[in-house]
C-alpha cells in the first residue's frame, strides 16, 4: 500500500490520539509523514504573500504532491484545526487564523509607514482584531467553588453567640410557669424549662 493510500485513511483524531498517547520512537510511518506534511502546509499558510489562499495551497498540493482534491483539502483543513484550534473547535480556529493575518498586516503597515498618518491608520485595525478574538466581550465569570462546598453549621443555644442580648432567665421562668394557666401539664412545663436550659437537660428520657 502506497503512502497516499495510508494517509487517506488518517483522521485528525488519529493525529490527536498519537500526540497525546503515542510513542515517538515507534511512530507509524504514515503518522510521521502526515505530521511533516501538516508542518509544510502550515508554513505555506503563513507565507500568505506567496500562496495567498486555501485554494492556492490545495492546488499546490495537487500539482506537486500528487494529491487528489479531497486529500489536499482534508490535509489543509486538518492542519488549520490542529495548529489553531483547541481540540478541533472550528470557530476558534478561524478566529485565530484571521487574527494572525490581521496582526501580520498591521506589522507590515507599521514597517511601511511613511508618516504618522500611516501609523494611525494601522492602529485603527487593532480594535477590529480585538473583536475577532472576542476581546471586546466580558470574560465569563466562573461559578464560585465556595458555593459548592458543604456549609459549616454552628449550633448554639446562647443568644450572646448570635450577637443578641442575653435573656433574663428568671423572667423566662415566670413566663413558662404562667403557661400552666393555659392548660400545660407539669411535665410539659418541666420539659419547656429543660429545653430553655433553665433546668439540666436529660440526655436519656426514662
N, C-alpha and C. Protein backbone atom coordinates (compact mmCIF):
# COMPACT_ATOMS: atom_id res chain seq x y z
N UNK A 1 0.85 -1.20 0.00
CA UNK A 1 0.00 0.00 0.00
C UNK A 1 0.88 1.24 0.00
N UNK A 2 0.62 2.17 -0.94
CA UNK A 2 1.42 3.38 -1.03
C UNK A 2 1.11 4.35 0.10
N UNK A 3 2.00 5.36 0.23
CA UNK A 3 1.84 6.32 1.32
C UNK A 3 0.55 7.11 1.19
N UNK A 4 0.17 7.48 -0.04
CA UNK A 4 -1.07 8.23 -0.22
C UNK A 4 -2.28 7.43 0.24
N UNK A 5 -2.24 6.12 -0.01
CA UNK A 5 -3.35 5.28 0.43
C UNK A 5 -3.40 5.20 1.95
N UNK A 6 -2.23 5.20 2.59
CA UNK A 6 -2.18 5.12 4.05
C UNK A 6 -2.69 6.40 4.70
N UNK A 7 -2.23 7.57 4.20
CA UNK A 7 -2.63 8.83 4.83
C UNK A 7 -4.08 9.18 4.50
N UNK A 8 -4.61 8.59 3.40
CA UNK A 8 -6.01 8.86 3.06
C UNK A 8 -6.95 8.36 4.16
N UNK A 9 -6.52 7.33 4.87
CA UNK A 9 -7.35 6.74 5.91
C UNK A 9 -7.21 7.46 7.25
N UNK A 10 -6.22 8.34 7.36
CA UNK A 10 -5.99 9.04 8.63
C UNK A 10 -7.04 10.13 8.85
N UNK A 11 -7.44 10.29 10.10
CA UNK A 11 -8.31 11.38 10.52
C UNK A 11 -7.58 12.24 11.54
N UNK A 12 -8.10 13.43 11.76
CA UNK A 12 -7.45 14.32 12.72
C UNK A 12 -7.42 13.69 14.11
N UNK A 13 -8.45 12.92 14.44
CA UNK A 13 -8.49 12.24 15.74
C UNK A 13 -7.31 11.28 15.90
N UNK A 14 -6.88 10.66 14.79
CA UNK A 14 -5.73 9.75 14.85
C UNK A 14 -4.47 10.51 15.21
N UNK A 15 -4.32 11.70 14.64
CA UNK A 15 -3.14 12.53 14.93
C UNK A 15 -3.17 12.99 16.38
N UNK A 16 -4.36 13.42 16.83
CA UNK A 16 -4.51 13.86 18.22
C UNK A 16 -4.21 12.72 19.19
N UNK A 17 -4.72 11.55 18.87
CA UNK A 17 -4.51 10.39 19.74
C UNK A 17 -3.03 10.05 19.84
N UNK A 18 -2.33 10.09 18.71
CA UNK A 18 -0.89 9.80 18.74
C UNK A 18 -0.14 10.88 19.52
N UNK A 19 -0.53 12.13 19.31
CA UNK A 19 0.12 13.23 20.03
C UNK A 19 0.01 13.06 21.54
N UNK A 20 -1.16 12.64 21.99
CA UNK A 20 -1.42 12.54 23.43
C UNK A 20 -0.93 11.24 24.04
N UNK A 21 -0.93 10.15 23.26
CA UNK A 21 -0.64 8.85 23.86
C UNK A 21 0.39 8.02 23.10
N UNK A 22 0.83 8.49 21.94
CA UNK A 22 1.73 7.68 21.12
C UNK A 22 3.18 7.74 21.59
N UNK A 23 3.96 6.83 21.05
CA UNK A 23 5.40 6.74 21.34
C UNK A 23 6.16 7.23 20.12
N UNK A 24 6.91 8.31 20.27
CA UNK A 24 7.63 8.90 19.14
C UNK A 24 8.61 7.91 18.52
N UNK A 25 9.23 7.09 19.36
CA UNK A 25 10.24 6.16 18.86
C UNK A 25 9.63 5.07 17.99
N UNK A 26 8.36 4.77 18.20
CA UNK A 26 7.70 3.72 17.42
C UNK A 26 6.54 4.29 16.60
N UNK A 27 6.68 5.52 16.14
CA UNK A 27 5.60 6.17 15.42
C UNK A 27 5.36 5.50 14.07
N UNK A 28 4.10 5.25 13.73
CA UNK A 28 3.78 4.68 12.41
C UNK A 28 4.28 5.61 11.31
N UNK A 29 4.73 5.03 10.23
CA UNK A 29 5.31 5.79 9.13
C UNK A 29 4.33 6.83 8.59
N UNK A 30 3.05 6.44 8.46
CA UNK A 30 2.08 7.37 7.88
C UNK A 30 1.80 8.55 8.81
N UNK A 31 1.89 8.33 10.14
CA UNK A 31 1.69 9.42 11.10
C UNK A 31 2.82 10.43 10.98
N UNK A 32 4.04 9.93 10.93
CA UNK A 32 5.21 10.81 10.79
C UNK A 32 5.11 11.61 9.50
N UNK A 33 4.77 10.93 8.40
CA UNK A 33 4.66 11.60 7.11
C UNK A 33 3.57 12.67 7.15
N UNK A 34 2.43 12.34 7.74
CA UNK A 34 1.32 13.28 7.77
C UNK A 34 1.66 14.52 8.61
N UNK A 35 2.33 14.31 9.72
CA UNK A 35 2.74 15.45 10.55
C UNK A 35 3.71 16.36 9.80
N UNK A 36 4.61 15.74 9.04
CA UNK A 36 5.55 16.53 8.24
C UNK A 36 4.81 17.33 7.17
N UNK A 37 3.81 16.71 6.56
CA UNK A 37 3.02 17.40 5.55
C UNK A 37 2.22 18.55 6.17
N UNK A 38 1.72 18.32 7.39
CA UNK A 38 0.97 19.38 8.07
C UNK A 38 1.87 20.58 8.37
N UNK A 39 3.11 20.30 8.76
CA UNK A 39 4.06 21.39 9.02
C UNK A 39 4.34 22.18 7.74
N UNK A 40 4.43 21.48 6.61
CA UNK A 40 4.66 22.16 5.33
C UNK A 40 3.47 23.05 4.99
N UNK A 41 2.26 22.53 5.17
CA UNK A 41 1.06 23.31 4.87
C UNK A 41 0.98 24.53 5.78
N UNK A 42 1.34 24.35 7.06
CA UNK A 42 1.33 25.49 7.98
C UNK A 42 2.29 26.56 7.50
N UNK A 43 3.48 26.15 7.05
CA UNK A 43 4.45 27.12 6.52
C UNK A 43 3.92 27.83 5.29
N UNK A 44 3.23 27.10 4.42
CA UNK A 44 2.63 27.71 3.23
C UNK A 44 1.55 28.71 3.61
N UNK A 45 0.75 28.33 4.61
CA UNK A 45 -0.31 29.24 5.07
C UNK A 45 0.27 30.53 5.62
N UNK A 46 1.33 30.41 6.38
CA UNK A 46 1.93 31.60 6.99
C UNK A 46 2.65 32.46 5.96
N UNK A 47 3.07 31.86 4.86
CA UNK A 47 3.68 32.63 3.78
C UNK A 47 2.56 33.11 2.85
N UNK A 48 1.63 33.84 3.40
CA UNK A 48 0.45 34.26 2.65
C UNK A 48 0.76 35.09 1.44
N UNK A 49 1.90 35.79 1.46
CA UNK A 49 2.25 36.62 0.31
C UNK A 49 2.66 35.78 -0.90
N UNK A 50 2.94 34.48 -0.67
CA UNK A 50 3.34 33.59 -1.77
C UNK A 50 2.15 32.74 -2.23
N UNK A 51 1.48 32.09 -1.27
CA UNK A 51 0.42 31.15 -1.61
C UNK A 51 -0.96 31.80 -1.56
N UNK A 52 -1.14 32.72 -0.64
CA UNK A 52 -2.31 33.58 -0.65
C UNK A 52 -3.60 33.05 -0.10
N UNK A 53 -3.98 31.81 -0.40
CA UNK A 53 -5.31 31.36 0.00
C UNK A 53 -5.34 29.85 0.14
N UNK A 54 -6.46 29.38 0.69
CA UNK A 54 -6.69 27.94 0.83
C UNK A 54 -6.65 27.25 -0.53
N UNK A 55 -7.31 27.85 -1.53
CA UNK A 55 -7.33 27.24 -2.86
C UNK A 55 -5.94 27.15 -3.46
N UNK A 56 -5.11 28.17 -3.24
CA UNK A 56 -3.76 28.15 -3.79
C UNK A 56 -2.93 27.03 -3.17
N UNK A 57 -3.10 26.83 -1.86
CA UNK A 57 -2.37 25.76 -1.18
C UNK A 57 -2.84 24.40 -1.67
N UNK A 58 -4.16 24.24 -1.81
CA UNK A 58 -4.71 22.97 -2.30
C UNK A 58 -4.21 22.68 -3.71
N UNK A 59 -4.21 23.67 -4.57
CA UNK A 59 -3.73 23.49 -5.94
C UNK A 59 -2.26 23.10 -5.96
N UNK A 60 -1.48 23.68 -5.07
CA UNK A 60 -0.06 23.34 -4.98
C UNK A 60 0.11 21.87 -4.59
N UNK A 61 -0.66 21.41 -3.62
CA UNK A 61 -0.56 20.02 -3.17
C UNK A 61 -0.98 19.05 -4.28
N UNK A 62 -1.98 19.44 -5.04
CA UNK A 62 -2.43 18.59 -6.14
C UNK A 62 -1.36 18.50 -7.22
N UNK A 63 -0.76 19.64 -7.55
CA UNK A 63 0.20 19.71 -8.66
C UNK A 63 1.55 19.10 -8.31
N UNK A 64 2.05 19.38 -7.09
CA UNK A 64 3.42 18.98 -6.76
C UNK A 64 3.50 17.75 -5.85
N UNK A 65 2.41 17.41 -5.16
CA UNK A 65 2.43 16.26 -4.25
C UNK A 65 1.62 15.08 -4.77
N UNK A 66 0.89 15.31 -5.84
CA UNK A 66 0.11 14.22 -6.41
C UNK A 66 -1.15 13.89 -5.63
N UNK A 67 -1.62 14.82 -4.80
CA UNK A 67 -2.82 14.58 -4.01
C UNK A 67 -4.07 14.76 -4.87
N UNK A 68 -5.12 14.06 -4.50
CA UNK A 68 -6.43 14.35 -5.06
C UNK A 68 -6.94 15.63 -4.39
N UNK A 69 -7.99 16.23 -4.98
CA UNK A 69 -8.54 17.44 -4.36
C UNK A 69 -9.02 17.13 -2.94
N UNK A 70 -9.71 15.99 -2.79
CA UNK A 70 -10.23 15.60 -1.47
C UNK A 70 -9.11 15.51 -0.45
N UNK A 71 -8.01 14.82 -0.80
CA UNK A 71 -6.92 14.62 0.15
C UNK A 71 -6.20 15.93 0.46
N UNK A 72 -6.03 16.78 -0.57
CA UNK A 72 -5.36 18.06 -0.37
C UNK A 72 -6.19 18.98 0.54
N UNK A 73 -7.49 19.03 0.27
CA UNK A 73 -8.38 19.87 1.09
C UNK A 73 -8.43 19.37 2.52
N UNK A 74 -8.47 18.05 2.68
CA UNK A 74 -8.50 17.45 4.01
C UNK A 74 -7.23 17.76 4.78
N UNK A 75 -6.08 17.66 4.09
CA UNK A 75 -4.80 17.98 4.74
C UNK A 75 -4.75 19.44 5.17
N UNK A 76 -5.18 20.32 4.29
CA UNK A 76 -5.19 21.75 4.63
C UNK A 76 -6.07 22.03 5.84
N UNK A 77 -7.30 21.51 5.82
CA UNK A 77 -8.25 21.80 6.89
C UNK A 77 -7.83 21.15 8.20
N UNK A 78 -7.28 19.94 8.13
CA UNK A 78 -6.77 19.30 9.35
C UNK A 78 -5.62 20.09 9.95
N UNK A 79 -4.79 20.65 9.09
CA UNK A 79 -3.66 21.46 9.57
C UNK A 79 -4.17 22.69 10.32
N UNK A 80 -5.17 23.35 9.75
CA UNK A 80 -5.72 24.53 10.40
C UNK A 80 -6.33 24.18 11.76
N UNK A 81 -7.06 23.06 11.80
CA UNK A 81 -7.67 22.64 13.06
C UNK A 81 -6.61 22.27 14.08
N UNK A 82 -5.59 21.56 13.65
CA UNK A 82 -4.56 21.06 14.58
C UNK A 82 -3.76 22.19 15.20
N UNK A 83 -3.36 23.17 14.39
CA UNK A 83 -2.47 24.21 14.90
C UNK A 83 -3.19 25.43 15.44
N UNK A 84 -4.46 25.61 15.09
CA UNK A 84 -5.13 26.83 15.51
C UNK A 84 -6.30 26.61 16.45
N UNK A 85 -6.77 25.39 16.57
CA UNK A 85 -7.97 25.16 17.37
C UNK A 85 -7.64 24.45 18.66
N UNK A 86 -8.54 24.66 19.66
CA UNK A 86 -8.48 23.91 20.90
C UNK A 86 -9.36 22.68 20.71
N UNK A 87 -8.72 21.58 20.45
CA UNK A 87 -9.46 20.32 20.27
C UNK A 87 -10.51 20.45 19.16
N UNK A 88 -10.08 20.94 18.02
CA UNK A 88 -10.91 20.96 16.81
C UNK A 88 -12.20 21.74 16.97
N UNK A 89 -12.10 22.95 17.46
CA UNK A 89 -13.24 23.85 17.53
C UNK A 89 -13.10 24.83 16.36
N UNK A 90 -13.88 24.64 15.32
CA UNK A 90 -13.66 25.34 14.06
C UNK A 90 -13.71 26.86 14.19
N UNK A 91 -14.68 27.37 14.93
CA UNK A 91 -14.80 28.82 15.04
C UNK A 91 -13.56 29.42 15.70
N UNK A 92 -13.07 28.78 16.73
CA UNK A 92 -11.86 29.28 17.38
C UNK A 92 -10.68 29.21 16.42
N UNK A 93 -10.63 28.15 15.63
CA UNK A 93 -9.53 28.02 14.67
C UNK A 93 -9.53 29.20 13.70
N UNK A 94 -10.68 29.48 13.12
CA UNK A 94 -10.73 30.56 12.14
C UNK A 94 -10.55 31.93 12.79
N UNK A 95 -11.00 32.10 14.00
CA UNK A 95 -10.74 33.36 14.70
C UNK A 95 -9.24 33.61 14.81
N UNK A 96 -8.52 32.57 15.24
CA UNK A 96 -7.08 32.71 15.41
C UNK A 96 -6.36 32.90 14.08
N UNK A 97 -6.83 32.23 13.05
CA UNK A 97 -6.24 32.40 11.72
C UNK A 97 -6.39 33.84 11.25
N UNK A 98 -7.62 34.35 11.35
CA UNK A 98 -7.89 35.72 10.90
C UNK A 98 -7.10 36.73 11.73
N UNK A 99 -7.08 36.52 13.04
CA UNK A 99 -6.35 37.45 13.91
C UNK A 99 -4.86 37.45 13.58
N UNK A 100 -4.30 36.28 13.26
CA UNK A 100 -2.87 36.22 12.92
C UNK A 100 -2.59 36.98 11.63
N UNK A 101 -3.47 36.81 10.65
CA UNK A 101 -3.30 37.53 9.38
C UNK A 101 -3.42 39.04 9.59
N UNK A 102 -4.37 39.44 10.42
CA UNK A 102 -4.54 40.87 10.70
C UNK A 102 -3.31 41.42 11.41
N UNK A 103 -2.76 40.62 12.34
CA UNK A 103 -1.57 41.05 13.07
C UNK A 103 -0.39 41.25 12.13
N UNK A 104 -0.24 40.33 11.18
CA UNK A 104 0.84 40.48 10.20
C UNK A 104 0.62 41.72 9.35
N UNK A 105 -0.63 41.96 8.96
CA UNK A 105 -0.92 43.13 8.16
C UNK A 105 -0.62 44.42 8.89
N UNK A 106 -0.96 44.46 10.17
CA UNK A 106 -0.68 45.66 10.97
C UNK A 106 0.82 45.89 11.10
N UNK A 107 1.56 44.81 11.35
CA UNK A 107 3.02 44.94 11.47
C UNK A 107 3.63 45.41 10.15
N UNK A 108 3.11 44.90 9.04
CA UNK A 108 3.60 45.34 7.74
C UNK A 108 3.31 46.81 7.51
N UNK A 109 2.10 47.23 7.91
CA UNK A 109 1.73 48.64 7.77
C UNK A 109 2.64 49.53 8.58
N UNK A 110 3.01 49.09 9.78
CA UNK A 110 3.95 49.86 10.60
C UNK A 110 5.30 49.97 9.90
N UNK A 111 5.75 48.83 9.36
CA UNK A 111 7.08 48.81 8.74
C UNK A 111 7.13 49.71 7.50
N UNK A 112 6.02 49.82 6.79
CA UNK A 112 5.99 50.60 5.55
C UNK A 112 5.48 52.04 5.76
N UNK A 113 5.15 52.37 7.01
CA UNK A 113 4.59 53.69 7.30
C UNK A 113 5.57 54.80 6.91
N UNK A 114 5.05 55.79 6.20
CA UNK A 114 5.89 56.93 5.77
C UNK A 114 5.73 58.13 6.69
N UNK A 115 4.60 58.18 7.40
CA UNK A 115 4.37 59.30 8.30
C UNK A 115 3.43 58.86 9.41
N UNK A 116 3.12 59.79 10.31
CA UNK A 116 2.26 59.48 11.45
C UNK A 116 0.85 59.09 11.02
N UNK A 117 0.38 59.62 9.89
CA UNK A 117 -0.96 59.29 9.41
C UNK A 117 -1.05 57.80 9.06
N UNK A 118 0.02 57.25 8.48
CA UNK A 118 0.03 55.82 8.16
C UNK A 118 0.00 54.98 9.43
N UNK A 119 0.70 55.45 10.46
CA UNK A 119 0.72 54.74 11.74
C UNK A 119 -0.67 54.73 12.37
N UNK A 120 -1.33 55.90 12.32
CA UNK A 120 -2.68 56.00 12.88
C UNK A 120 -3.64 55.06 12.16
N UNK A 121 -3.53 54.98 10.84
CA UNK A 121 -4.40 54.09 10.07
C UNK A 121 -4.17 52.63 10.47
N UNK A 122 -2.91 52.28 10.70
CA UNK A 122 -2.61 50.91 11.12
C UNK A 122 -3.17 50.61 12.50
N UNK A 123 -3.07 51.60 13.40
CA UNK A 123 -3.57 51.40 14.76
C UNK A 123 -5.09 51.22 14.79
N UNK A 124 -5.77 51.80 13.80
CA UNK A 124 -7.23 51.68 13.77
C UNK A 124 -7.68 50.24 13.51
N UNK A 125 -6.77 49.38 13.05
CA UNK A 125 -7.12 47.99 12.81
C UNK A 125 -7.07 47.15 14.09
N UNK A 126 -6.44 47.66 15.13
CA UNK A 126 -6.32 46.89 16.38
C UNK A 126 -7.68 46.58 17.00
N UNK A 127 -8.62 47.55 17.07
CA UNK A 127 -9.95 47.20 17.62
C UNK A 127 -10.64 46.10 16.82
N UNK A 128 -10.44 46.10 15.49
CA UNK A 128 -11.06 45.06 14.66
C UNK A 128 -10.47 43.69 15.00
N UNK A 129 -9.16 43.65 15.23
CA UNK A 129 -8.53 42.38 15.59
C UNK A 129 -9.02 41.93 16.97
N UNK A 130 -9.20 42.88 17.87
CA UNK A 130 -9.72 42.55 19.20
C UNK A 130 -11.12 41.95 19.11
N UNK A 131 -11.94 42.47 18.19
CA UNK A 131 -13.29 41.93 18.03
C UNK A 131 -13.25 40.50 17.50
N UNK A 132 -12.34 40.25 16.57
CA UNK A 132 -12.21 38.89 16.03
C UNK A 132 -11.87 37.91 17.15
N UNK A 133 -11.02 38.31 18.06
CA UNK A 133 -10.60 37.45 19.16
C UNK A 133 -11.59 37.47 20.32
N UNK A 134 -12.62 38.31 20.22
CA UNK A 134 -13.61 38.38 21.29
C UNK A 134 -13.15 39.14 22.51
N UNK A 135 -12.10 39.98 22.35
CA UNK A 135 -11.57 40.73 23.49
C UNK A 135 -12.49 41.87 23.91
N UNK A 136 -13.47 42.19 23.06
CA UNK A 136 -14.42 43.24 23.41
C UNK A 136 -15.56 42.71 24.27
N UNK A 137 -15.56 41.42 24.53
CA UNK A 137 -16.61 40.82 25.34
C UNK A 137 -16.07 40.51 26.73
N UNK A 138 -16.93 40.65 27.71
CA UNK A 138 -16.53 40.41 29.09
C UNK A 138 -16.25 38.92 29.29
N UNK A 139 -15.25 38.62 30.11
CA UNK A 139 -14.95 37.24 30.44
C UNK A 139 -16.11 36.63 31.21
N UNK A 140 -16.40 35.38 30.94
CA UNK A 140 -17.44 34.70 31.68
C UNK A 140 -16.98 34.46 33.11
N UNK A 141 -17.85 34.82 34.06
CA UNK A 141 -17.50 34.63 35.46
C UNK A 141 -17.63 33.16 35.82
N UNK A 142 -16.59 32.66 36.46
CA UNK A 142 -16.63 31.28 36.90
C UNK A 142 -17.53 31.14 38.12
N UNK A 143 -18.22 30.03 38.18
CA UNK A 143 -19.08 29.77 39.33
C UNK A 143 -18.22 29.61 40.57
N UNK A 144 -18.47 30.39 41.63
CA UNK A 144 -17.62 30.31 42.83
C UNK A 144 -17.59 28.91 43.41
N UNK A 145 -16.39 28.35 43.52
CA UNK A 145 -16.26 27.00 44.04
C UNK A 145 -16.71 26.91 45.50
N UNK A 146 -16.62 28.04 46.21
CA UNK A 146 -17.01 28.03 47.62
C UNK A 146 -18.47 27.65 47.80
N UNK A 147 -19.30 27.99 46.77
CA UNK A 147 -20.72 27.68 46.89
C UNK A 147 -21.00 26.19 46.76
N UNK A 148 -20.03 25.45 46.23
CA UNK A 148 -20.21 24.01 46.08
C UNK A 148 -19.72 23.23 47.30
N UNK A 149 -19.05 23.93 48.21
CA UNK A 149 -18.55 23.26 49.40
C UNK A 149 -19.66 23.11 50.43
N UNK A 150 -19.52 22.08 51.26
CA UNK A 150 -20.53 21.86 52.30
C UNK A 150 -20.50 23.01 53.30
N UNK A 151 -21.66 23.56 53.65
CA UNK A 151 -21.67 24.69 54.59
C UNK A 151 -21.24 24.26 55.99
N UNK A 152 -20.66 25.21 56.69
CA UNK A 152 -20.28 24.98 58.08
C UNK A 152 -21.47 25.31 58.97
N UNK A 153 -21.91 24.35 59.75
CA UNK A 153 -23.07 24.54 60.61
C UNK A 153 -22.61 24.80 62.04
N UNK A 154 -23.16 25.85 62.65
CA UNK A 154 -22.82 26.21 64.02
C UNK A 154 -24.08 26.08 64.87
N UNK A 155 -24.00 25.20 65.85
CA UNK A 155 -25.13 25.02 66.75
C UNK A 155 -24.81 25.72 68.08
N UNK A 156 -25.75 26.54 68.55
CA UNK A 156 -25.54 27.22 69.83
C UNK A 156 -26.89 27.49 70.47
N UNK A 157 -26.89 27.51 71.75
CA UNK A 157 -28.11 27.87 72.49
C UNK A 157 -27.91 29.17 73.23
N UNK A 158 -26.82 29.85 72.96
CA UNK A 158 -26.52 31.11 73.63
C UNK A 158 -26.88 32.27 72.72
N UNK A 159 -27.73 33.16 73.22
CA UNK A 159 -28.11 34.34 72.43
C UNK A 159 -26.92 35.24 72.19
N UNK A 160 -25.99 35.26 73.16
CA UNK A 160 -24.82 36.13 73.03
C UNK A 160 -23.94 35.70 71.86
N UNK A 161 -23.89 34.37 71.56
CA UNK A 161 -23.10 33.89 70.43
C UNK A 161 -23.62 34.44 69.11
N UNK A 162 -24.89 34.80 69.07
CA UNK A 162 -25.51 35.32 67.86
C UNK A 162 -25.60 36.83 67.86
N UNK A 163 -24.94 37.47 68.81
CA UNK A 163 -24.94 38.92 68.89
C UNK A 163 -26.20 39.50 69.49
N UNK A 164 -26.99 38.67 70.20
CA UNK A 164 -28.24 39.14 70.81
C UNK A 164 -28.03 39.41 72.29
N UNK A 165 -28.93 40.18 72.85
CA UNK A 165 -28.87 40.47 74.28
C UNK A 165 -29.21 39.21 75.07
N UNK A 166 -28.52 38.97 76.19
CA UNK A 166 -28.82 37.78 77.00
C UNK A 166 -30.24 37.84 77.56
N UNK A 167 -30.86 36.66 77.69
CA UNK A 167 -32.24 36.57 78.17
C UNK A 167 -32.26 36.52 79.70
N UNK A 168 -33.20 37.24 80.30
CA UNK A 168 -33.39 37.21 81.75
C UNK A 168 -33.99 35.85 82.11
N UNK A 169 -33.18 34.99 82.73
CA UNK A 169 -33.60 33.62 82.99
C UNK A 169 -34.78 33.56 83.98
N UNK A 170 -34.77 34.48 84.97
CA UNK A 170 -35.86 34.49 85.96
C UNK A 170 -37.18 34.89 85.31
N UNK A 171 -37.11 35.88 84.42
CA UNK A 171 -38.31 36.32 83.73
C UNK A 171 -38.82 35.22 82.80
N UNK A 172 -37.87 34.52 82.14
CA UNK A 172 -38.26 33.43 81.26
C UNK A 172 -38.94 32.31 82.06
N UNK A 173 -38.40 32.03 83.28
CA UNK A 173 -39.00 31.01 84.12
C UNK A 173 -40.42 31.37 84.52
N UNK A 174 -40.66 32.65 84.84
CA UNK A 174 -42.01 33.07 85.22
C UNK A 174 -42.97 32.95 84.04
N UNK A 175 -42.46 33.26 82.82
CA UNK A 175 -43.32 33.14 81.64
C UNK A 175 -43.73 31.70 81.41
N UNK A 176 -42.73 30.77 81.56
CA UNK A 176 -43.03 29.35 81.34
C UNK A 176 -44.00 28.83 82.41
N UNK A 177 -43.78 29.25 83.67
CA UNK A 177 -44.70 28.83 84.74
C UNK A 177 -46.11 29.32 84.46
N UNK A 178 -46.21 30.51 83.86
CA UNK A 178 -47.53 31.07 83.58
C UNK A 178 -48.28 30.29 82.50
N UNK A 179 -47.57 29.45 81.77
CA UNK A 179 -48.24 28.66 80.73
C UNK A 179 -49.14 27.58 81.32
N UNK A 180 -48.95 27.29 82.61
CA UNK A 180 -49.79 26.27 83.25
C UNK A 180 -51.24 26.72 83.26
N UNK A 181 -51.45 28.03 83.33
CA UNK A 181 -52.81 28.56 83.31
C UNK A 181 -53.48 28.33 81.95
N UNK A 182 -52.64 28.07 80.92
CA UNK A 182 -53.19 27.85 79.57
C UNK A 182 -53.32 26.37 79.24
N UNK A 183 -53.22 25.50 80.27
CA UNK A 183 -53.50 24.10 80.08
C UNK A 183 -52.30 23.18 79.96
N UNK A 184 -51.04 23.72 80.11
CA UNK A 184 -49.88 22.84 80.04
C UNK A 184 -49.74 22.06 81.33
N UNK A 185 -49.37 20.79 81.21
CA UNK A 185 -49.19 19.93 82.39
C UNK A 185 -47.84 20.22 83.03
N UNK A 186 -47.65 19.67 84.24
CA UNK A 186 -46.37 19.85 84.95
C UNK A 186 -45.20 19.29 84.15
N UNK A 187 -45.41 18.14 83.50
CA UNK A 187 -44.33 17.53 82.72
C UNK A 187 -43.99 18.39 81.50
N UNK A 188 -44.98 19.02 80.91
CA UNK A 188 -44.72 19.88 79.75
C UNK A 188 -44.01 21.15 80.18
N UNK A 189 -44.39 21.67 81.38
CA UNK A 189 -43.70 22.85 81.92
C UNK A 189 -42.24 22.50 82.18
N UNK A 190 -42.01 21.33 82.77
CA UNK A 190 -40.64 20.90 83.08
C UNK A 190 -39.82 20.75 81.81
N UNK A 191 -40.44 20.16 80.78
CA UNK A 191 -39.73 19.96 79.51
C UNK A 191 -39.36 21.31 78.87
N UNK A 192 -40.29 22.27 78.95
CA UNK A 192 -40.02 23.59 78.38
C UNK A 192 -38.84 24.25 79.09
N UNK A 193 -38.77 24.05 80.42
CA UNK A 193 -37.65 24.64 81.17
C UNK A 193 -36.33 23.94 80.82
N UNK A 194 -36.39 22.62 80.59
CA UNK A 194 -35.17 21.92 80.22
C UNK A 194 -34.72 22.36 78.82
N UNK A 195 -35.68 22.50 77.90
CA UNK A 195 -35.35 22.95 76.55
C UNK A 195 -34.76 24.36 76.56
N UNK A 196 -35.19 25.17 77.52
CA UNK A 196 -34.68 26.54 77.64
C UNK A 196 -33.43 26.60 78.51
N UNK A 197 -32.97 25.42 78.98
CA UNK A 197 -31.77 25.29 79.82
C UNK A 197 -31.93 25.99 81.17
N UNK A 198 -33.18 26.13 81.60
CA UNK A 198 -33.41 26.62 82.95
C UNK A 198 -33.24 25.46 83.94
N UNK A 199 -33.40 24.23 83.45
CA UNK A 199 -33.14 23.02 84.22
C UNK A 199 -32.15 22.16 83.44
N UNK A 200 -31.38 21.30 84.09
CA UNK A 200 -30.43 20.44 83.38
C UNK A 200 -31.13 19.60 82.33
N UNK A 201 -30.49 19.44 81.17
CA UNK A 201 -31.06 18.66 80.09
C UNK A 201 -30.87 17.18 80.35
N UNK A 202 -31.93 16.41 80.13
CA UNK A 202 -31.87 14.96 80.28
C UNK A 202 -31.46 14.35 78.93
N UNK A 203 -30.31 13.67 78.91
CA UNK A 203 -29.86 13.05 77.68
C UNK A 203 -30.73 11.84 77.35
N UNK A 204 -31.04 11.03 78.34
CA UNK A 204 -31.85 9.85 78.12
C UNK A 204 -33.15 10.01 78.90
N UNK A 205 -34.26 9.99 78.18
CA UNK A 205 -35.55 10.08 78.82
C UNK A 205 -35.91 8.73 79.43
N UNK A 206 -36.53 8.75 80.58
CA UNK A 206 -36.94 7.50 81.21
C UNK A 206 -38.12 6.91 80.43
